[in-house]
């Protein structure tokens, strides 16, 4: 089976990874670690904060 990890955002869906032709128990292969998920969340939070700040500065 083909397995794809996607992140659904408010305006788009982003493909994070694809693992084609996996067989058997594929959970250990595609299961993200807590570190990766935390890092992705932190990066998205920083990017969102930077975008909000840039928009505020542009309005002033």
Protein backbone atom coordinates (compact mmCIF):
# COMPACT_ATOMS: atom_id res chain seq x y z
CA UNK A 1 0.00 0.00 0.00
CA UNK A 2 1.10 3.58 -0.60
CA UNK A 3 1.19 5.77 2.51
CA UNK A 4 1.26 9.57 2.40
CA UNK A 5 1.53 11.98 5.33
CA UNK A 6 -0.31 15.24 4.74
CA UNK A 7 -0.70 18.38 6.79
CA UNK A 8 -4.02 20.15 6.39
CA UNK A 9 -3.66 23.90 6.66
CA UNK A 10 -6.42 26.51 6.55
CA UNK A 11 -5.80 27.32 2.88
CA UNK A 12 -4.00 24.25 1.52
CA UNK A 13 -2.94 20.69 2.14
CA UNK A 14 0.81 20.01 2.23
CA UNK A 15 2.38 16.62 1.54
CA UNK A 16 5.01 15.93 4.19
CA UNK A 17 6.19 12.52 2.97
CA UNK A 18 5.25 9.56 0.81
CA UNK A 19 6.20 5.94 1.30
CA UNK A 20 5.25 3.88 -1.77
CA UNK A 21 4.59 0.12 -1.71
CA UNK A 22 4.77 -0.50 2.03
CA UNK A 23 3.89 -3.98 3.19
CA UNK A 24 3.02 -5.41 6.57
CA UNK A 25 3.13 -3.27 9.70
CA UNK A 26 4.27 0.09 8.36
CA UNK A 27 3.53 2.02 11.58
CA UNK A 28 7.17 2.09 12.82
CA UNK A 29 8.34 3.36 9.42
CA UNK A 30 6.02 6.34 9.13
CA UNK A 31 5.30 7.18 12.77
CA UNK A 32 6.77 10.65 13.40
CA UNK A 33 8.72 11.14 16.55
CA UNK A 34 7.61 13.56 19.22
CA UNK A 35 10.70 15.64 18.45
CA UNK A 36 9.75 16.00 14.79
CA UNK A 37 6.15 16.95 15.55
CA UNK A 38 7.25 19.46 18.20
CA UNK A 39 9.79 20.97 15.80
CA UNK A 40 7.23 21.29 13.03
CA UNK A 41 4.73 22.92 15.39
CA UNK A 42 7.36 25.37 16.64
CA UNK A 43 8.43 26.28 13.10
CA UNK A 44 4.85 26.88 12.00
CA UNK A 45 4.17 28.99 15.10
CA UNK A 46 7.24 31.16 14.46
CA UNK A 47 6.30 31.55 10.79
CA UNK A 48 2.73 32.53 11.69
CA UNK A 49 3.94 35.06 14.28
CA UNK A 50 6.40 36.55 11.78
CA UNK A 51 3.66 36.86 9.18
CA UNK A 52 1.33 38.61 11.64
CA UNK A 53 4.11 41.01 12.67
CA UNK A 54 4.98 41.77 9.04
CA UNK A 55 1.32 42.50 8.30
CA UNK A 56 1.05 44.80 11.31
CA UNK A 57 4.19 46.70 10.32
CA UNK A 58 2.94 47.03 6.74
CA UNK A 59 -0.34 48.53 7.97
CA UNK A 60 1.44 51.21 10.03
